[in-house]
N, C-alpha and C. Protein backbone atom coordinates (compact mmCIF):
# COMPACT_ATOMS: atom_id res chain seq x y z
N VAL A 1 48.83 -176.52 -11.89
CA VAL A 1 48.19 -177.34 -12.14
C VAL A 1 46.87 -176.74 -12.95
N ARG A 2 46.43 -177.05 -14.17
CA ARG A 2 45.24 -176.30 -14.71
C ARG A 2 44.51 -177.46 -15.37
N ARG A 3 43.16 -177.46 -15.63
CA ARG A 3 42.18 -178.36 -16.18
C ARG A 3 41.57 -177.58 -17.45
N HIS A 4 41.54 -178.84 -18.35
CA HIS A 4 40.91 -178.68 -19.64
C HIS A 4 40.36 -179.66 -20.16
N GLY A 5 39.11 -179.57 -20.14
CA GLY A 5 38.48 -180.73 -20.62
C GLY A 5 38.39 -181.99 -19.57
N GLU A 6 38.95 -183.29 -19.91
CA GLU A 6 39.13 -184.29 -19.03
C GLU A 6 40.97 -184.09 -18.71
N LEU A 7 41.63 -183.34 -18.95
CA LEU A 7 42.76 -183.26 -18.81
C LEU A 7 43.31 -182.29 -17.67
N LEU A 8 44.33 -182.71 -16.95
CA LEU A 8 45.22 -181.95 -15.94
C LEU A 8 46.32 -181.43 -16.47
N HIS A 9 46.83 -180.18 -16.64
CA HIS A 9 48.03 -179.99 -17.30
C HIS A 9 49.01 -178.96 -16.12
N ALA A 10 49.73 -180.13 -16.15
CA ALA A 10 51.14 -179.21 -15.11
C ALA A 10 51.91 -178.57 -15.81
N MET A 11 52.43 -177.30 -15.52
CA MET A 11 53.09 -176.23 -16.18
C MET A 11 53.91 -175.12 -15.43
N ARG A 12 54.93 -175.05 -15.91
CA ARG A 12 55.43 -173.83 -15.22
C ARG A 12 54.79 -172.58 -15.19
N PRO A 13 54.90 -171.35 -14.37
CA PRO A 13 54.48 -170.69 -14.73
C PRO A 13 55.06 -169.61 -15.86
N LEU A 14 54.12 -168.91 -16.82
CA LEU A 14 54.30 -168.22 -18.04
C LEU A 14 54.53 -167.00 -17.88
N ALA A 15 55.41 -165.99 -18.21
CA ALA A 15 55.64 -164.76 -18.58
C ALA A 15 54.30 -164.11 -19.10
N PRO A 16 53.79 -163.04 -18.99
CA PRO A 16 52.66 -162.72 -20.19
C PRO A 16 53.32 -162.29 -21.61
N PRO A 17 52.46 -162.46 -22.68
CA PRO A 17 53.20 -162.27 -23.85
C PRO A 17 53.35 -160.59 -24.08
N PRO A 18 54.19 -160.41 -24.72
CA PRO A 18 54.64 -158.76 -25.04
C PRO A 18 53.74 -158.06 -25.40
N LYS A 19 53.50 -156.71 -25.02
CA LYS A 19 52.31 -156.01 -25.16
C LYS A 19 52.76 -155.24 -26.67
N THR A 20 53.59 -155.05 -26.75
CA THR A 20 54.09 -154.31 -28.16
C THR A 20 54.40 -155.04 -29.31
N PRO A 21 54.22 -155.23 -30.49
CA PRO A 21 54.19 -156.05 -31.34
C PRO A 21 55.79 -156.25 -31.67
N LEU A 22 56.15 -157.60 -32.01
CA LEU A 22 57.49 -157.97 -32.68
C LEU A 22 57.68 -157.71 -33.72
N ARG A 23 58.68 -157.37 -34.46
CA ARG A 23 58.88 -157.04 -35.88
C ARG A 23 59.39 -158.35 -36.44
N TRP A 24 59.09 -158.80 -37.58
CA TRP A 24 59.95 -160.00 -38.13
C TRP A 24 60.11 -159.81 -39.51
N SER A 25 61.47 -159.55 -39.81
CA SER A 25 61.74 -159.22 -40.97
C SER A 25 62.40 -160.81 -41.62
N TRP A 26 61.30 -161.26 -42.13
CA TRP A 26 61.41 -162.88 -42.51
C TRP A 26 62.21 -163.30 -43.96
N GLN A 27 62.44 -162.30 -44.36
CA GLN A 27 63.58 -162.38 -45.94
C GLN A 27 64.78 -162.31 -45.35
N ARG A 28 65.26 -161.86 -43.85
CA ARG A 28 66.54 -161.86 -43.46
C ARG A 28 66.59 -162.92 -42.39
N GLN A 29 65.51 -163.28 -41.63
CA GLN A 29 65.70 -164.20 -40.52
C GLN A 29 64.55 -165.19 -40.90
N ARG A 30 64.58 -166.28 -41.05
CA ARG A 30 63.52 -167.32 -41.51
C ARG A 30 62.96 -167.76 -40.10
N SER A 31 63.37 -167.39 -39.03
CA SER A 31 62.88 -167.70 -37.69
C SER A 31 62.54 -166.78 -36.75
N LEU A 32 61.64 -166.78 -36.09
CA LEU A 32 61.49 -165.47 -35.12
C LEU A 32 61.22 -166.13 -33.64
N GLN A 33 61.91 -166.04 -32.46
CA GLN A 33 61.82 -166.56 -31.24
C GLN A 33 60.83 -165.59 -30.59
N LEU A 34 60.08 -166.31 -29.82
CA LEU A 34 59.04 -165.71 -29.22
C LEU A 34 59.09 -165.67 -27.41
N ALA A 35 59.98 -166.09 -27.12
CA ALA A 35 60.12 -166.43 -25.72
C ALA A 35 59.47 -167.47 -24.89
N ASP A 36 58.55 -167.27 -24.20
CA ASP A 36 57.47 -168.25 -23.58
C ASP A 36 56.67 -168.59 -24.60
N SER A 37 56.47 -168.16 -25.86
CA SER A 37 55.50 -168.75 -26.77
C SER A 37 56.18 -169.21 -28.15
N GLY A 38 57.09 -169.85 -27.66
CA GLY A 38 57.81 -170.72 -28.85
C GLY A 38 58.62 -169.65 -29.73
N ARG A 39 58.54 -170.42 -31.31
CA ARG A 39 59.22 -169.77 -32.24
C ARG A 39 58.69 -170.02 -33.64
N LEU A 40 58.56 -168.82 -34.06
CA LEU A 40 57.82 -169.23 -35.65
C LEU A 40 58.84 -169.49 -36.54
N VAL A 41 58.81 -170.30 -37.72
CA VAL A 41 60.00 -170.68 -38.49
C VAL A 41 59.02 -170.47 -40.11
N LEU A 42 59.42 -169.79 -40.96
CA LEU A 42 58.94 -169.74 -42.07
C LEU A 42 59.75 -170.59 -43.30
N GLN A 43 59.41 -171.62 -43.74
CA GLN A 43 60.06 -172.62 -44.64
C GLN A 43 59.66 -172.62 -46.04
N PRO A 44 60.57 -172.23 -46.94
CA PRO A 44 60.27 -172.42 -48.51
C PRO A 44 59.71 -173.94 -48.70
N HIS A 45 58.95 -174.26 -49.25
CA HIS A 45 58.53 -175.60 -49.47
C HIS A 45 57.69 -175.42 -50.96
N PRO A 46 57.87 -176.16 -51.74
CA PRO A 46 57.24 -176.35 -53.04
C PRO A 46 55.78 -176.49 -52.82
N HIS A 47 55.45 -177.19 -51.73
CA HIS A 47 53.60 -177.14 -51.59
C HIS A 47 52.89 -176.32 -50.75
N GLY A 48 53.76 -175.72 -50.10
CA GLY A 48 53.12 -174.81 -49.16
C GLY A 48 52.17 -174.19 -49.45
N ASN A 49 51.35 -173.70 -48.27
CA ASN A 49 49.96 -172.98 -48.69
C ASN A 49 50.34 -171.39 -48.65
N LEU A 50 51.34 -170.88 -48.15
CA LEU A 50 51.30 -169.32 -48.01
C LEU A 50 52.26 -168.97 -49.36
N ASP A 51 51.83 -167.81 -49.92
CA ASP A 51 52.59 -166.84 -50.82
C ASP A 51 53.54 -166.22 -50.68
N LEU A 52 54.39 -166.14 -50.64
CA LEU A 52 55.72 -165.29 -50.32
C LEU A 52 55.53 -164.04 -50.84
N ASP A 53 55.22 -163.69 -52.23
CA ASP A 53 55.16 -162.81 -52.78
C ASP A 53 54.32 -161.72 -52.36
N LEU A 54 53.23 -162.39 -51.54
CA LEU A 54 52.06 -161.53 -51.40
C LEU A 54 52.34 -160.77 -49.57
N LEU A 55 53.88 -161.34 -49.04
CA LEU A 55 53.76 -160.89 -47.52
C LEU A 55 54.71 -159.62 -47.77
N PRO A 56 54.61 -158.46 -46.98
CA PRO A 56 55.23 -157.43 -46.45
C PRO A 56 56.88 -158.00 -46.22
N ALA A 57 57.87 -157.13 -46.27
CA ALA A 57 59.00 -157.65 -46.05
C ALA A 57 59.10 -157.30 -44.28
N MET A 58 58.37 -156.90 -43.55
CA MET A 58 58.26 -156.81 -42.37
C MET A 58 56.88 -157.26 -41.77
N LEU A 59 56.82 -158.24 -41.01
CA LEU A 59 55.44 -158.83 -40.57
C LEU A 59 55.57 -158.21 -38.92
N PRO A 60 54.73 -157.74 -38.77
CA PRO A 60 54.38 -157.71 -37.02
C PRO A 60 53.73 -158.95 -36.66
N VAL A 61 54.24 -159.21 -35.56
CA VAL A 61 53.75 -160.22 -34.80
C VAL A 61 53.09 -159.71 -33.41
N ARG A 62 52.03 -159.95 -33.35
CA ARG A 62 51.33 -159.59 -31.91
C ARG A 62 50.70 -161.12 -31.19
N PHE A 63 50.10 -160.50 -30.36
CA PHE A 63 49.29 -161.76 -29.39
C PHE A 63 47.69 -161.04 -29.12
N ARG A 64 46.77 -161.77 -28.60
CA ARG A 64 45.89 -161.68 -28.86
C ARG A 64 45.31 -160.18 -27.88
N GLY A 65 44.44 -159.31 -28.12
CA GLY A 65 43.85 -158.30 -27.81
C GLY A 65 42.39 -158.23 -27.56
N GLY A 66 42.05 -159.21 -28.16
CA GLY A 66 40.37 -159.13 -28.61
C GLY A 66 39.92 -158.71 -29.46
N GLY A 67 38.70 -159.14 -30.43
CA GLY A 67 38.14 -158.67 -31.47
C GLY A 67 38.98 -158.64 -32.67
N GLU A 68 39.94 -159.61 -32.66
CA GLU A 68 40.52 -160.21 -33.89
C GLU A 68 39.65 -160.94 -34.77
N ARG A 69 39.64 -160.87 -35.99
CA ARG A 69 38.83 -161.65 -36.94
C ARG A 69 40.10 -162.31 -38.22
N LEU A 70 39.51 -163.31 -38.65
CA LEU A 70 40.41 -163.87 -39.89
C LEU A 70 39.49 -164.07 -41.11
N ALA A 71 39.94 -163.51 -42.01
CA ALA A 71 39.35 -163.94 -43.53
C ALA A 71 39.76 -165.30 -43.84
N ILE A 72 38.27 -166.06 -44.06
CA ILE A 72 38.38 -167.25 -44.38
C ILE A 72 37.47 -167.37 -45.75
N ALA A 73 37.46 -168.53 -46.35
CA ALA A 73 36.92 -168.78 -47.69
C ALA A 73 35.43 -168.28 -47.79
N VAL A 74 34.80 -168.50 -46.65
CA VAL A 74 33.36 -167.80 -46.75
C VAL A 74 33.34 -166.60 -45.81
N GLY A 75 34.11 -165.90 -45.53
CA GLY A 75 33.73 -164.54 -44.94
C GLY A 75 34.62 -164.52 -44.01
N ARG A 76 34.56 -163.70 -42.71
CA ARG A 76 35.53 -163.55 -41.50
C ARG A 76 34.99 -164.07 -40.58
N LYS A 77 35.96 -164.68 -39.64
CA LYS A 77 35.37 -165.42 -38.40
C LYS A 77 36.14 -165.26 -37.20
N PRO A 78 35.83 -164.77 -35.92
CA PRO A 78 36.37 -164.31 -35.23
C PRO A 78 37.14 -165.21 -34.45
N LEU A 79 38.59 -164.83 -33.88
CA LEU A 79 39.75 -165.55 -33.84
C LEU A 79 39.38 -166.27 -32.27
N LYS A 80 38.49 -165.75 -31.50
CA LYS A 80 37.85 -166.50 -30.15
C LYS A 80 37.25 -167.70 -30.62
N ASN A 81 36.36 -167.88 -31.59
CA ASN A 81 35.45 -168.58 -32.08
C ASN A 81 36.66 -169.69 -32.40
N LEU A 82 37.43 -169.70 -33.45
CA LEU A 82 38.30 -170.44 -34.13
C LEU A 82 39.09 -171.38 -33.02
N LEU A 83 39.71 -170.63 -31.94
CA LEU A 83 40.68 -171.08 -30.96
C LEU A 83 39.79 -171.90 -30.15
N GLN A 84 38.35 -171.47 -29.81
CA GLN A 84 37.42 -172.28 -29.22
C GLN A 84 37.21 -173.78 -29.75
N GLU A 85 37.15 -173.71 -31.00
CA GLU A 85 36.80 -174.80 -31.95
C GLU A 85 37.63 -175.57 -32.19
N LEU A 86 38.86 -175.25 -31.75
CA LEU A 86 40.13 -176.09 -32.02
C LEU A 86 40.49 -176.83 -30.84
N ALA A 87 39.60 -176.12 -29.65
CA ALA A 87 39.91 -176.77 -28.08
C ALA A 87 41.39 -176.37 -27.74
N VAL A 88 41.82 -174.78 -27.90
CA VAL A 88 42.63 -174.49 -27.59
C VAL A 88 42.61 -174.11 -26.11
N PRO A 89 43.50 -174.57 -24.86
CA PRO A 89 43.27 -174.33 -23.57
C PRO A 89 43.32 -172.72 -23.54
N PRO A 90 42.23 -172.52 -22.34
CA PRO A 90 41.84 -171.11 -22.57
C PRO A 90 43.31 -169.88 -21.91
N TRP A 91 44.14 -170.49 -21.21
CA TRP A 91 45.73 -170.02 -20.79
C TRP A 91 46.51 -169.95 -22.03
N LEU A 92 46.33 -170.68 -23.22
CA LEU A 92 47.46 -170.62 -24.45
C LEU A 92 46.72 -169.87 -25.03
N ARG A 93 45.54 -169.43 -25.31
CA ARG A 93 45.03 -168.47 -26.31
C ARG A 93 45.64 -167.19 -26.36
N ASP A 94 46.02 -166.69 -25.39
CA ASP A 94 46.70 -165.43 -25.60
C ASP A 94 48.24 -165.54 -25.96
N ARG A 95 48.70 -166.53 -26.16
CA ARG A 95 49.92 -166.87 -26.63
C ARG A 95 50.14 -167.39 -27.69
N VAL A 96 49.03 -167.57 -28.51
CA VAL A 96 49.22 -168.07 -30.18
C VAL A 96 49.65 -166.68 -30.82
N PRO A 97 50.87 -166.83 -31.36
CA PRO A 97 51.31 -165.68 -32.39
C PRO A 97 50.20 -165.27 -33.31
N LEU A 98 50.32 -164.16 -33.86
CA LEU A 98 49.49 -163.51 -34.89
C LEU A 98 50.18 -162.70 -35.83
N LEU A 99 50.19 -162.89 -37.05
CA LEU A 99 50.91 -162.52 -38.05
C LEU A 99 50.24 -161.46 -38.83
N HIS A 100 50.52 -160.06 -39.16
CA HIS A 100 50.08 -159.25 -39.61
C HIS A 100 50.57 -158.47 -40.65
N ALA A 101 49.88 -157.83 -41.79
CA ALA A 101 50.45 -157.09 -42.70
C ALA A 101 49.62 -155.87 -42.87
N GLY A 102 50.03 -154.96 -42.22
CA GLY A 102 49.45 -153.77 -41.72
C GLY A 102 48.50 -153.88 -40.48
N ARG A 103 47.17 -153.56 -40.93
CA ARG A 103 45.92 -153.81 -39.90
C ARG A 103 45.46 -155.29 -40.04
N ARG A 104 45.98 -155.84 -41.04
CA ARG A 104 45.24 -157.14 -41.61
C ARG A 104 45.90 -158.35 -40.73
N LEU A 105 44.82 -159.21 -40.50
CA LEU A 105 45.83 -160.70 -39.97
C LEU A 105 45.63 -161.33 -41.00
N VAL A 106 46.93 -161.67 -40.96
CA VAL A 106 47.53 -162.79 -42.17
C VAL A 106 47.57 -164.58 -41.74
N ALA A 107 48.03 -164.49 -40.55
CA ALA A 107 47.94 -165.73 -40.02
C ALA A 107 48.00 -166.05 -38.68
N VAL A 108 47.25 -167.00 -38.20
CA VAL A 108 47.22 -167.40 -36.77
C VAL A 108 48.22 -168.43 -36.40
N ALA A 109 49.24 -168.26 -35.94
CA ALA A 109 50.58 -169.08 -35.88
C ALA A 109 50.74 -170.25 -37.03
N ASP A 110 50.50 -171.37 -37.01
CA ASP A 110 50.46 -172.00 -38.17
C ASP A 110 49.06 -172.99 -38.27
N LEU A 111 48.35 -172.37 -37.57
CA LEU A 111 46.59 -173.10 -37.47
C LEU A 111 45.71 -172.83 -38.48
N TRP A 112 46.02 -171.16 -38.94
CA TRP A 112 45.30 -171.12 -39.76
C TRP A 112 45.58 -169.55 -40.47
N LEU A 113 45.43 -169.47 -42.23
CA LEU A 113 46.14 -168.58 -42.85
C LEU A 113 44.87 -167.78 -43.45
N ASP A 114 44.92 -166.48 -43.44
CA ASP A 114 44.10 -165.73 -44.31
C ASP A 114 43.81 -166.11 -45.80
N SER A 115 42.88 -166.12 -46.17
CA SER A 115 42.47 -166.81 -47.76
C SER A 115 43.27 -166.19 -48.73
N GLY A 116 43.29 -164.72 -48.62
CA GLY A 116 44.15 -163.97 -49.52
C GLY A 116 45.53 -164.04 -49.65
N TYR A 117 45.82 -164.66 -48.64
CA TYR A 117 47.71 -164.86 -48.56
C TYR A 117 48.03 -166.11 -48.92
N GLN A 118 46.98 -167.14 -49.31
CA GLN A 118 47.00 -168.55 -49.52
C GLN A 118 47.74 -168.65 -51.06
N ALA A 119 48.66 -169.67 -51.17
CA ALA A 119 49.13 -169.77 -52.59
C ALA A 119 48.17 -170.16 -53.37
N GLY A 120 47.98 -169.65 -54.70
CA GLY A 120 47.24 -170.14 -55.75
C GLY A 120 48.21 -171.20 -56.83
N PRO A 121 47.46 -171.86 -57.65
CA PRO A 121 47.99 -172.51 -58.58
C PRO A 121 49.33 -171.91 -59.27
N ASP A 122 49.25 -170.95 -59.53
CA ASP A 122 50.50 -170.05 -60.41
C ASP A 122 51.44 -169.59 -59.21
N CYS A 123 51.36 -169.72 -58.10
CA CYS A 123 52.39 -169.25 -57.35
C CYS A 123 53.74 -169.95 -57.42
N LYS A 124 54.65 -168.92 -57.53
CA LYS A 124 56.00 -169.16 -57.82
C LYS A 124 56.73 -169.49 -56.70
N ARG A 125 56.64 -168.71 -55.40
CA ARG A 125 57.37 -168.54 -54.25
C ARG A 125 56.40 -169.08 -53.02
N ARG A 126 56.53 -170.25 -52.55
CA ARG A 126 55.66 -170.73 -51.65
C ARG A 126 56.50 -171.16 -50.29
N ALA A 127 55.71 -170.92 -49.32
CA ALA A 127 56.19 -171.65 -47.84
C ALA A 127 55.05 -172.16 -47.22
N ARG A 128 55.99 -172.72 -45.97
CA ARG A 128 55.08 -173.30 -44.92
C ARG A 128 55.46 -172.35 -43.30
N LEU A 129 54.41 -172.09 -42.78
CA LEU A 129 54.60 -171.11 -41.38
C LEU A 129 54.67 -172.62 -40.47
N ARG A 130 55.62 -172.34 -39.45
CA ARG A 130 55.24 -173.55 -38.53
C ARG A 130 55.56 -172.75 -37.06
N TRP A 131 54.77 -173.12 -36.43
CA TRP A 131 54.73 -172.62 -34.80
C TRP A 131 55.46 -173.39 -34.29
N GLU A 132 56.63 -173.50 -33.43
CA GLU A 132 57.18 -174.55 -32.58
C GLU A 132 57.00 -174.04 -31.18
N PHE A 133 55.93 -174.33 -30.59
CA PHE A 133 55.88 -174.29 -29.08
C PHE A 133 56.42 -175.25 -28.14
N PRO A 134 57.33 -174.68 -27.13
CA PRO A 134 58.17 -175.83 -26.38
C PRO A 134 57.11 -176.72 -25.60
N PRO A 135 57.56 -177.86 -26.07
CA PRO A 135 56.93 -179.13 -25.46
C PRO A 135 57.00 -178.73 -23.63
N SER A 136 58.20 -178.52 -23.07
CA SER A 136 58.16 -178.15 -21.94
C SER A 136 57.39 -177.64 -21.23
N ALA A 137 56.87 -176.75 -21.99
CA ALA A 137 55.67 -175.66 -21.06
C ALA A 137 54.68 -176.23 -20.61
N ILE A 138 54.02 -177.59 -21.36
CA ILE A 138 52.99 -178.20 -20.87
C ILE A 138 53.18 -179.45 -20.81
N GLU A 139 53.42 -180.11 -19.45
CA GLU A 139 52.84 -181.56 -19.38
C GLU A 139 51.74 -182.18 -18.76
N SER A 140 51.09 -182.95 -20.03
CA SER A 140 49.56 -183.30 -19.48
C SER A 140 49.52 -184.86 -18.75
N ALA A 141 48.58 -184.83 -18.15
CA ALA A 141 48.15 -186.10 -17.51
C ALA A 141 46.60 -186.31 -17.45
N ASN A 142 46.14 -187.68 -17.74
CA ASN A 142 44.73 -188.02 -17.48
C ASN A 142 44.31 -187.31 -16.32
N ALA A 143 42.98 -187.15 -16.04
CA ALA A 143 42.28 -186.55 -15.03
C ALA A 143 41.52 -187.52 -14.45
N HIS A 144 41.50 -188.88 -14.95
CA HIS A 144 40.41 -189.93 -14.39
C HIS A 144 41.01 -190.57 -13.30
C-alpha cells in the first residue's frame, strides 16, 4: 500500500523496468508490450499529433535513468519536472516509457511529444501514440 497526495494505492509488487532499451519496429508492429509497464500503441489517425514521416523505422524505448529533457515549444524541460507537474506518483515515474530517435527524447508515453515531431498543417501521415497502462496495476481508495 502506498500513499500519494490524499489517496492510498493498493498494488501488487512491480518488477523493475528493463535496464536495456526495447527496440520497437513500429512500421511492422503497431504495438509494443512493456511487461509491467503496459503497452504502447501507435494508431494512424487523420487528426493525430505525431508526424510518422519524421520517425525512424526503429524506436528505442527506454525508462527513466535521470537527467532526461524534452523539447517543448519554449525550450527544453526536465522530465522530472513534467512528471511532478502532472502529479504522477513517484513509484510510477520510472515506469513511464520514453521513446527515442537516436539520443533525442521523442515522446514521454502519450503524455508529451517533442515539438520537432509534432504534425504540422501539411503533414500527410499522422498518428496518435497511446500508452495502455494496466488498470489492475493500481487500485485506489480515498485516504479520508
